[in-house]
N, C-alpha and C. Protein backbone atom coordinates (compact mmCIF):
# COMPACT_ATOMS: atom_id res chain seq x y z
N UNK A 1 46.96 -43.43 40.15
CA UNK A 1 46.50 -42.39 39.24
C UNK A 1 45.02 -42.11 39.54
N UNK A 2 44.76 -40.93 40.07
CA UNK A 2 43.40 -40.49 40.31
C UNK A 2 43.13 -39.27 39.44
N UNK A 3 42.27 -39.44 38.44
CA UNK A 3 41.99 -38.37 37.50
C UNK A 3 40.69 -37.67 37.90
N UNK A 4 40.75 -36.35 37.98
CA UNK A 4 39.56 -35.54 38.23
C UNK A 4 39.42 -34.52 37.11
N UNK A 5 38.21 -34.39 36.58
CA UNK A 5 37.91 -33.38 35.56
C UNK A 5 36.76 -32.56 36.11
N UNK A 6 37.07 -31.33 36.50
CA UNK A 6 36.07 -30.48 37.15
C UNK A 6 35.97 -29.12 36.47
N UNK A 7 34.75 -28.62 36.45
CA UNK A 7 34.49 -27.30 35.87
C UNK A 7 35.29 -26.24 36.61
N UNK A 8 35.89 -25.34 35.85
CA UNK A 8 36.64 -24.23 36.42
C UNK A 8 35.63 -23.19 36.90
N UNK A 9 35.69 -22.85 38.18
CA UNK A 9 34.71 -21.94 38.77
C UNK A 9 35.32 -20.64 39.27
N UNK A 10 36.62 -20.64 39.52
CA UNK A 10 37.25 -19.48 40.16
C UNK A 10 38.39 -18.94 39.30
N UNK A 11 38.64 -17.66 39.45
CA UNK A 11 39.70 -17.00 38.70
C UNK A 11 41.06 -17.64 38.96
N UNK A 12 41.31 -18.04 40.21
CA UNK A 12 42.60 -18.67 40.52
C UNK A 12 42.77 -19.97 39.75
N UNK A 13 41.69 -20.74 39.59
CA UNK A 13 41.75 -21.97 38.80
C UNK A 13 42.02 -21.66 37.33
N UNK A 14 41.33 -20.64 36.83
CA UNK A 14 41.50 -20.26 35.42
C UNK A 14 42.92 -19.75 35.17
N UNK A 15 43.48 -19.05 36.14
CA UNK A 15 44.86 -18.57 36.01
C UNK A 15 45.81 -19.76 35.87
N UNK A 16 45.60 -20.81 36.66
CA UNK A 16 46.42 -22.02 36.55
C UNK A 16 46.29 -22.68 35.20
N UNK A 17 45.07 -22.71 34.67
CA UNK A 17 44.82 -23.28 33.35
C UNK A 17 45.56 -22.47 32.28
N UNK A 18 45.50 -21.15 32.37
CA UNK A 18 46.17 -20.29 31.39
C UNK A 18 47.69 -20.49 31.45
N UNK A 19 48.24 -20.63 32.64
CA UNK A 19 49.68 -20.87 32.77
C UNK A 19 50.06 -22.22 32.16
N UNK A 20 49.23 -23.22 32.40
CA UNK A 20 49.48 -24.54 31.81
C UNK A 20 49.37 -24.48 30.29
N UNK A 21 48.40 -23.72 29.78
CA UNK A 21 48.22 -23.57 28.33
C UNK A 21 49.49 -23.05 27.68
N UNK A 22 50.10 -22.05 28.29
CA UNK A 22 51.32 -21.48 27.75
C UNK A 22 52.42 -22.54 27.65
N UNK A 23 52.57 -23.35 28.69
CA UNK A 23 53.58 -24.41 28.69
C UNK A 23 53.28 -25.46 27.61
N UNK A 24 52.03 -25.93 27.58
CA UNK A 24 51.66 -26.98 26.63
C UNK A 24 51.82 -26.50 25.20
N UNK A 25 51.36 -25.29 24.90
CA UNK A 25 51.46 -24.79 23.54
C UNK A 25 52.91 -24.68 23.08
N UNK A 26 53.80 -24.26 23.97
CA UNK A 26 55.20 -24.12 23.59
C UNK A 26 55.92 -25.47 23.45
N UNK A 27 55.36 -26.52 24.01
CA UNK A 27 55.95 -27.85 23.80
C UNK A 27 55.29 -28.56 22.63
N UNK A 28 54.01 -28.33 22.43
CA UNK A 28 53.22 -29.11 21.48
C UNK A 28 53.33 -28.61 20.04
N UNK A 29 53.39 -27.31 19.86
CA UNK A 29 53.28 -26.75 18.51
C UNK A 29 54.60 -26.28 17.92
N UNK A 30 55.70 -26.48 18.63
CA UNK A 30 56.98 -25.94 18.20
C UNK A 30 57.41 -26.45 16.83
N UNK A 31 57.01 -27.65 16.45
CA UNK A 31 57.39 -28.19 15.13
C UNK A 31 56.29 -28.03 14.09
N UNK A 32 55.21 -27.31 14.46
CA UNK A 32 54.08 -27.17 13.55
C UNK A 32 53.91 -25.73 13.07
N UNK A 33 54.03 -24.78 14.00
CA UNK A 33 53.93 -23.36 13.67
C UNK A 33 55.10 -22.62 14.31
N UNK A 34 55.32 -21.39 13.88
CA UNK A 34 56.46 -20.63 14.40
C UNK A 34 56.25 -20.22 15.86
N UNK A 35 57.36 -19.95 16.54
CA UNK A 35 57.29 -19.48 17.93
C UNK A 35 56.50 -18.17 18.00
N UNK A 36 56.67 -17.32 17.00
CA UNK A 36 55.91 -16.07 16.97
C UNK A 36 54.41 -16.33 16.92
N UNK A 37 54.00 -17.29 16.10
CA UNK A 37 52.57 -17.61 16.01
C UNK A 37 52.08 -18.27 17.30
N UNK A 38 52.91 -19.12 17.91
CA UNK A 38 52.53 -19.73 19.18
C UNK A 38 52.27 -18.64 20.22
N UNK A 39 53.22 -17.72 20.35
CA UNK A 39 53.07 -16.62 21.32
C UNK A 39 51.80 -15.81 21.04
N UNK A 40 51.58 -15.50 19.78
CA UNK A 40 50.41 -14.71 19.38
C UNK A 40 49.11 -15.45 19.72
N UNK A 41 49.05 -16.74 19.38
CA UNK A 41 47.82 -17.50 19.60
C UNK A 41 47.57 -17.76 21.09
N UNK A 42 48.63 -17.97 21.86
CA UNK A 42 48.46 -18.14 23.31
C UNK A 42 47.85 -16.87 23.88
N UNK A 43 48.38 -15.72 23.51
CA UNK A 43 47.85 -14.45 24.03
C UNK A 43 46.41 -14.22 23.56
N UNK A 44 46.14 -14.52 22.31
CA UNK A 44 44.81 -14.24 21.74
C UNK A 44 43.72 -15.22 22.18
N UNK A 45 44.09 -16.49 22.40
CA UNK A 45 43.07 -17.52 22.66
C UNK A 45 43.25 -18.29 23.97
N UNK A 46 44.45 -18.30 24.53
CA UNK A 46 44.74 -19.17 25.67
C UNK A 46 45.18 -18.42 26.93
N UNK A 47 45.23 -17.11 26.88
CA UNK A 47 45.66 -16.33 28.04
C UNK A 47 44.52 -16.19 29.05
N UNK A 48 44.84 -15.74 30.24
CA UNK A 48 43.82 -15.53 31.27
C UNK A 48 42.77 -14.54 30.78
N UNK A 49 43.20 -13.44 30.17
CA UNK A 49 42.23 -12.45 29.66
C UNK A 49 41.33 -13.05 28.59
N UNK A 50 41.92 -13.82 27.67
CA UNK A 50 41.14 -14.42 26.58
C UNK A 50 40.13 -15.43 27.14
N UNK A 51 40.58 -16.27 28.05
CA UNK A 51 39.69 -17.29 28.62
C UNK A 51 38.58 -16.66 29.46
N UNK A 52 38.93 -15.61 30.19
CA UNK A 52 37.92 -14.91 30.99
C UNK A 52 36.85 -14.32 30.09
N UNK A 53 37.26 -13.70 28.99
CA UNK A 53 36.30 -13.15 28.03
C UNK A 53 35.45 -14.26 27.40
N UNK A 54 36.07 -15.38 27.08
CA UNK A 54 35.33 -16.50 26.48
C UNK A 54 34.24 -17.00 27.43
N UNK A 55 34.55 -17.08 28.72
CA UNK A 55 33.57 -17.54 29.71
C UNK A 55 32.48 -16.49 29.92
N UNK A 56 32.89 -15.25 30.13
CA UNK A 56 31.94 -14.19 30.49
C UNK A 56 31.07 -13.71 29.33
N UNK A 57 31.61 -13.74 28.11
CA UNK A 57 30.91 -13.12 26.98
C UNK A 57 30.60 -14.03 25.81
N UNK A 58 31.18 -15.22 25.77
CA UNK A 58 31.02 -16.06 24.58
C UNK A 58 30.41 -17.44 24.86
N UNK A 59 30.09 -17.73 26.10
CA UNK A 59 29.42 -18.99 26.41
C UNK A 59 30.31 -20.21 26.57
N UNK A 60 31.60 -20.00 26.74
CA UNK A 60 32.52 -21.12 26.91
C UNK A 60 32.47 -21.66 28.33
N UNK A 61 32.81 -22.93 28.45
CA UNK A 61 32.94 -23.61 29.73
C UNK A 61 34.32 -24.26 29.74
N UNK A 62 35.04 -24.10 30.85
CA UNK A 62 36.36 -24.71 30.98
C UNK A 62 36.35 -25.77 32.06
N UNK A 63 37.13 -26.81 31.83
CA UNK A 63 37.32 -27.89 32.80
C UNK A 63 38.82 -28.05 33.04
N UNK A 64 39.20 -28.19 34.30
CA UNK A 64 40.58 -28.47 34.68
C UNK A 64 40.73 -29.97 34.88
N UNK A 65 41.83 -30.50 34.40
CA UNK A 65 42.11 -31.93 34.52
C UNK A 65 43.28 -32.10 35.49
N UNK A 66 43.05 -32.90 36.52
CA UNK A 66 44.07 -33.13 37.54
C UNK A 66 44.36 -34.63 37.64
N UNK A 67 45.63 -34.93 37.77
CA UNK A 67 46.10 -36.30 38.00
C UNK A 67 46.77 -36.29 39.37
N UNK A 68 46.19 -37.02 40.33
CA UNK A 68 46.67 -37.00 41.71
C UNK A 68 46.84 -35.56 42.21
N UNK A 69 45.82 -34.75 41.93
CA UNK A 69 45.72 -33.36 42.35
C UNK A 69 46.71 -32.40 41.67
N UNK A 70 47.39 -32.85 40.63
CA UNK A 70 48.30 -31.99 39.88
C UNK A 70 47.62 -31.59 38.58
N UNK A 71 47.49 -30.29 38.34
CA UNK A 71 46.88 -29.79 37.12
C UNK A 71 47.73 -30.23 35.94
N UNK A 72 47.13 -30.99 35.02
CA UNK A 72 47.90 -31.54 33.90
C UNK A 72 47.23 -31.32 32.55
N UNK A 73 45.99 -30.81 32.54
CA UNK A 73 45.31 -30.62 31.28
C UNK A 73 44.08 -29.75 31.45
N UNK A 74 43.47 -29.43 30.31
CA UNK A 74 42.26 -28.61 30.36
C UNK A 74 41.44 -28.82 29.10
N UNK A 75 40.16 -28.49 29.24
CA UNK A 75 39.19 -28.61 28.16
C UNK A 75 38.43 -27.29 28.09
N UNK A 76 38.18 -26.80 26.89
CA UNK A 76 37.32 -25.63 26.68
C UNK A 76 36.25 -26.00 25.66
N UNK A 77 34.99 -25.83 26.03
CA UNK A 77 33.88 -26.20 25.15
C UNK A 77 32.87 -25.06 25.09
N UNK A 78 32.03 -25.14 24.04
CA UNK A 78 30.98 -24.13 23.88
C UNK A 78 29.77 -24.76 23.22
N UNK A 79 28.63 -24.77 23.91
CA UNK A 79 27.40 -25.23 23.25
C UNK A 79 26.99 -24.21 22.18
N UNK A 80 26.72 -24.68 20.99
CA UNK A 80 26.27 -23.80 19.91
C UNK A 80 24.75 -23.67 19.96
N UNK A 81 24.20 -22.77 19.17
CA UNK A 81 22.75 -22.56 19.15
C UNK A 81 22.02 -23.68 18.40
N UNK A 82 22.75 -24.39 17.53
CA UNK A 82 22.14 -25.50 16.79
C UNK A 82 22.39 -26.81 17.54
N UNK A 83 22.53 -27.92 16.85
CA UNK A 83 22.69 -29.22 17.51
C UNK A 83 24.15 -29.59 17.75
N UNK A 84 25.06 -28.60 17.62
CA UNK A 84 26.49 -28.88 17.73
C UNK A 84 27.07 -28.39 19.06
N UNK A 85 28.17 -29.04 19.45
CA UNK A 85 28.92 -28.71 20.65
C UNK A 85 30.35 -28.50 20.19
N UNK A 86 30.91 -27.32 20.42
CA UNK A 86 32.24 -26.98 19.94
C UNK A 86 33.29 -27.36 20.98
N UNK A 87 34.19 -28.25 20.58
CA UNK A 87 35.35 -28.59 21.40
C UNK A 87 36.47 -27.65 20.97
N UNK A 88 36.64 -26.59 21.71
CA UNK A 88 37.60 -25.55 21.37
C UNK A 88 39.02 -25.94 21.79
N UNK A 89 39.12 -26.54 22.98
CA UNK A 89 40.45 -26.84 23.53
C UNK A 89 40.42 -28.17 24.28
N UNK A 90 41.38 -29.02 23.98
CA UNK A 90 41.60 -30.24 24.74
C UNK A 90 43.10 -30.47 24.73
N UNK A 91 43.73 -30.15 25.84
CA UNK A 91 45.18 -30.22 25.93
C UNK A 91 45.61 -30.94 27.19
N UNK A 92 46.68 -31.73 27.05
CA UNK A 92 47.21 -32.52 28.14
C UNK A 92 48.73 -32.38 28.13
N UNK A 93 49.31 -32.14 29.31
CA UNK A 93 50.75 -32.00 29.42
C UNK A 93 51.44 -33.27 28.95
N UNK A 94 52.58 -33.12 28.29
CA UNK A 94 53.28 -34.27 27.68
C UNK A 94 53.62 -35.34 28.71
N UNK A 95 53.83 -34.97 29.97
CA UNK A 95 54.19 -35.96 31.00
C UNK A 95 53.04 -36.89 31.34
N UNK A 96 51.83 -36.55 30.91
CA UNK A 96 50.65 -37.36 31.24
C UNK A 96 50.06 -38.07 30.02
N UNK A 97 50.68 -37.91 28.86
CA UNK A 97 50.13 -38.52 27.65
C UNK A 97 50.42 -40.01 27.62
N UNK A 98 49.58 -40.75 26.89
CA UNK A 98 49.78 -42.17 26.73
C UNK A 98 49.27 -42.99 27.90
N UNK A 99 48.47 -42.38 28.77
CA UNK A 99 47.98 -43.08 29.96
C UNK A 99 46.45 -43.17 29.99
N UNK A 100 45.80 -42.81 28.87
CA UNK A 100 44.34 -42.91 28.81
C UNK A 100 43.61 -41.68 29.31
N UNK A 101 44.33 -40.66 29.73
CA UNK A 101 43.70 -39.46 30.27
C UNK A 101 42.95 -38.70 29.17
N UNK A 102 43.54 -38.61 27.99
CA UNK A 102 42.87 -37.89 26.89
C UNK A 102 41.55 -38.57 26.54
N UNK A 103 41.50 -39.88 26.63
CA UNK A 103 40.24 -40.59 26.37
C UNK A 103 39.19 -40.22 27.41
N UNK A 104 39.59 -40.11 28.66
CA UNK A 104 38.67 -39.66 29.72
C UNK A 104 38.19 -38.23 29.45
N UNK A 105 39.11 -37.41 28.96
CA UNK A 105 38.76 -36.03 28.64
C UNK A 105 37.72 -35.98 27.52
N UNK A 106 37.92 -36.78 26.49
CA UNK A 106 36.96 -36.82 25.39
C UNK A 106 35.61 -37.36 25.86
N UNK A 107 35.63 -38.34 26.72
CA UNK A 107 34.39 -38.87 27.28
C UNK A 107 33.63 -37.76 28.02
N UNK A 108 34.36 -36.93 28.76
CA UNK A 108 33.75 -35.80 29.47
C UNK A 108 33.10 -34.84 28.47
N UNK A 109 33.78 -34.57 27.38
CA UNK A 109 33.24 -33.68 26.34
C UNK A 109 31.93 -34.26 25.80
N UNK A 110 31.94 -35.54 25.46
CA UNK A 110 30.74 -36.18 24.91
C UNK A 110 29.60 -36.15 25.92
N UNK A 111 29.91 -36.39 27.19
CA UNK A 111 28.88 -36.35 28.24
C UNK A 111 28.29 -34.94 28.37
N UNK A 112 29.14 -33.94 28.34
CA UNK A 112 28.67 -32.55 28.44
C UNK A 112 27.81 -32.18 27.23
N UNK A 113 28.22 -32.64 26.06
CA UNK A 113 27.44 -32.36 24.85
C UNK A 113 26.04 -32.96 24.98
N UNK A 114 25.98 -34.20 25.43
CA UNK A 114 24.68 -34.86 25.61
C UNK A 114 23.83 -34.12 26.66
N UNK A 115 24.47 -33.71 27.77
CA UNK A 115 23.74 -32.96 28.81
C UNK A 115 23.13 -31.68 28.25
N UNK A 116 23.80 -31.11 27.25
CA UNK A 116 23.32 -29.88 26.61
C UNK A 116 22.40 -30.16 25.43
N UNK A 117 22.02 -31.42 25.23
CA UNK A 117 21.08 -31.78 24.18
C UNK A 117 21.64 -31.73 22.78
N UNK A 118 22.96 -31.86 22.65
CA UNK A 118 23.60 -31.77 21.34
C UNK A 118 23.75 -33.14 20.69
N UNK A 119 23.80 -33.15 19.36
CA UNK A 119 23.91 -34.39 18.59
C UNK A 119 25.29 -34.58 17.97
N UNK A 120 26.07 -33.48 17.88
CA UNK A 120 27.38 -33.55 17.24
C UNK A 120 28.40 -32.73 18.03
N UNK A 121 29.64 -33.22 18.05
CA UNK A 121 30.76 -32.48 18.60
C UNK A 121 31.67 -32.16 17.42
N UNK A 122 32.10 -30.90 17.34
CA UNK A 122 33.05 -30.56 16.28
C UNK A 122 34.23 -29.80 16.86
N UNK A 123 35.32 -29.79 16.11
CA UNK A 123 36.54 -29.11 16.53
C UNK A 123 37.32 -28.68 15.30
N UNK A 124 38.29 -27.83 15.53
CA UNK A 124 39.25 -27.48 14.49
C UNK A 124 40.61 -27.96 14.96
N UNK A 125 41.39 -28.48 14.02
CA UNK A 125 42.73 -28.98 14.35
C UNK A 125 43.67 -28.63 13.20
N UNK A 126 44.86 -28.18 13.54
CA UNK A 126 45.85 -27.83 12.54
C UNK A 126 46.08 -29.03 11.62
N UNK A 127 46.04 -28.78 10.31
CA UNK A 127 46.21 -29.84 9.32
C UNK A 127 47.53 -30.59 9.48
N UNK A 128 48.53 -29.93 10.04
CA UNK A 128 49.85 -30.53 10.15
C UNK A 128 50.10 -31.17 11.52
N UNK A 129 49.10 -31.16 12.37
CA UNK A 129 49.20 -31.80 13.68
C UNK A 129 48.76 -33.26 13.52
N UNK A 130 49.63 -34.04 12.89
CA UNK A 130 49.30 -35.42 12.53
C UNK A 130 48.87 -36.25 13.73
N UNK A 131 49.56 -36.08 14.84
CA UNK A 131 49.22 -36.87 16.04
C UNK A 131 47.78 -36.61 16.47
N UNK A 132 47.42 -35.34 16.61
CA UNK A 132 46.06 -35.00 17.05
C UNK A 132 45.02 -35.47 16.03
N UNK A 133 45.28 -35.24 14.75
CA UNK A 133 44.33 -35.68 13.71
C UNK A 133 44.10 -37.18 13.82
N UNK A 134 45.18 -37.94 13.98
CA UNK A 134 45.06 -39.41 14.07
C UNK A 134 44.33 -39.85 15.33
N UNK A 135 44.57 -39.17 16.44
CA UNK A 135 43.86 -39.50 17.69
C UNK A 135 42.36 -39.27 17.50
N UNK A 136 42.01 -38.13 16.92
CA UNK A 136 40.58 -37.83 16.72
C UNK A 136 39.94 -38.83 15.74
N UNK A 137 40.66 -39.18 14.68
CA UNK A 137 40.12 -40.18 13.73
C UNK A 137 39.91 -41.51 14.43
N UNK A 138 40.87 -41.92 15.24
CA UNK A 138 40.76 -43.19 15.96
C UNK A 138 39.56 -43.20 16.90
N UNK A 139 39.23 -42.02 17.43
CA UNK A 139 38.09 -41.88 18.34
C UNK A 139 36.76 -41.92 17.60
N UNK A 140 36.78 -41.66 16.29
CA UNK A 140 35.54 -41.69 15.52
C UNK A 140 35.18 -40.37 14.87
N UNK A 141 36.02 -39.36 15.03
CA UNK A 141 35.80 -38.09 14.34
C UNK A 141 36.11 -38.28 12.86
N UNK A 142 35.40 -37.54 12.02
CA UNK A 142 35.69 -37.52 10.59
C UNK A 142 36.00 -36.09 10.18
N UNK A 143 36.79 -35.95 9.15
CA UNK A 143 37.07 -34.62 8.60
C UNK A 143 35.85 -34.21 7.79
N UNK A 144 35.23 -33.10 8.19
CA UNK A 144 34.01 -32.66 7.51
C UNK A 144 34.24 -31.44 6.62
N UNK A 145 35.35 -30.72 6.86
CA UNK A 145 35.61 -29.51 6.08
C UNK A 145 37.03 -29.05 6.37
N UNK A 146 37.44 -28.01 5.67
CA UNK A 146 38.72 -27.35 5.94
C UNK A 146 38.44 -25.88 6.16
N UNK A 147 39.33 -25.22 6.90
CA UNK A 147 39.16 -23.80 7.16
C UNK A 147 40.52 -23.12 7.20
N UNK A 148 40.65 -22.05 6.44
CA UNK A 148 41.82 -21.19 6.47
C UNK A 148 41.35 -19.87 7.05
N UNK A 149 41.78 -19.57 8.29
CA UNK A 149 41.25 -18.43 9.03
C UNK A 149 42.34 -17.42 9.33
N UNK A 150 42.14 -16.19 8.90
CA UNK A 150 43.05 -15.10 9.23
C UNK A 150 42.77 -14.70 10.68
N UNK A 151 43.80 -14.85 11.54
CA UNK A 151 43.61 -14.52 12.96
C UNK A 151 44.31 -13.22 13.35
N UNK A 152 44.78 -12.48 12.34
CA UNK A 152 45.46 -11.23 12.61
C UNK A 152 46.94 -11.45 12.86
N UNK A 153 47.67 -10.35 12.99
CA UNK A 153 49.09 -10.42 13.27
C UNK A 153 49.90 -11.03 12.14
N UNK A 154 49.29 -11.17 10.96
CA UNK A 154 49.97 -11.80 9.84
C UNK A 154 49.92 -13.32 9.88
N UNK A 155 49.09 -13.87 10.75
CA UNK A 155 49.00 -15.32 10.92
C UNK A 155 47.65 -15.85 10.45
N UNK A 156 47.68 -17.12 10.03
CA UNK A 156 46.44 -17.82 9.67
C UNK A 156 46.43 -19.17 10.39
N UNK A 157 45.22 -19.68 10.58
CA UNK A 157 45.06 -21.06 11.06
C UNK A 157 44.62 -21.88 9.85
N UNK A 158 45.37 -22.94 9.57
CA UNK A 158 45.10 -23.83 8.45
C UNK A 158 44.62 -25.15 9.04
N UNK A 159 43.30 -25.30 9.15
CA UNK A 159 42.72 -26.37 9.95
C UNK A 159 41.81 -27.32 9.18
N UNK A 160 41.72 -28.53 9.74
CA UNK A 160 40.62 -29.43 9.41
C UNK A 160 39.50 -29.13 10.40
N UNK A 161 38.27 -29.23 9.94
CA UNK A 161 37.13 -29.25 10.84
C UNK A 161 36.74 -30.71 10.94
N UNK A 162 36.72 -31.21 12.17
CA UNK A 162 36.40 -32.62 12.39
C UNK A 162 35.12 -32.71 13.22
N UNK A 163 34.36 -33.75 12.97
CA UNK A 163 33.04 -33.88 13.61
C UNK A 163 32.83 -35.30 14.11
N UNK A 164 32.14 -35.38 15.23
CA UNK A 164 31.80 -36.67 15.84
C UNK A 164 30.29 -36.69 16.08
N UNK A 165 29.63 -37.73 15.58
CA UNK A 165 28.20 -37.91 15.80
C UNK A 165 27.98 -38.61 17.13
N UNK A 166 27.19 -38.01 17.99
CA UNK A 166 26.90 -38.63 19.29
C UNK A 166 25.87 -39.73 19.15
């Protein structure tokens, strides 16, 4: 197992990440939100167009995660103007879970936050995604707030805001 986490620099890499996002979201969220909402959120936040806009216009940085040169996960982060670092996306294909890769991914996030001079990492996670909430708690994140966000299309995100002090 050789894990590489590298910044996405090219459109072809980002296209691969977007294709992986579609697969992961349809496996990961099927018991949490409706298929209609999954499709809507993938298009709005995880598609090639959405990710390209996030990088070009919103200050996001993406990292591709490879296991023995196979794309298996991705990270999307954004340095905020204050002392916070937003962990927008951290996803790993189900075939690679339980092998410590997600811990390496989180370590990369923390390292990037420190490189950017940040003191806190925060994220939003669906309140009903018990597995993810528990993983983040085990890592040291605490629930700092809740957010109910209208994302259009008749859908809302019902999330915990979790924070980690660096």
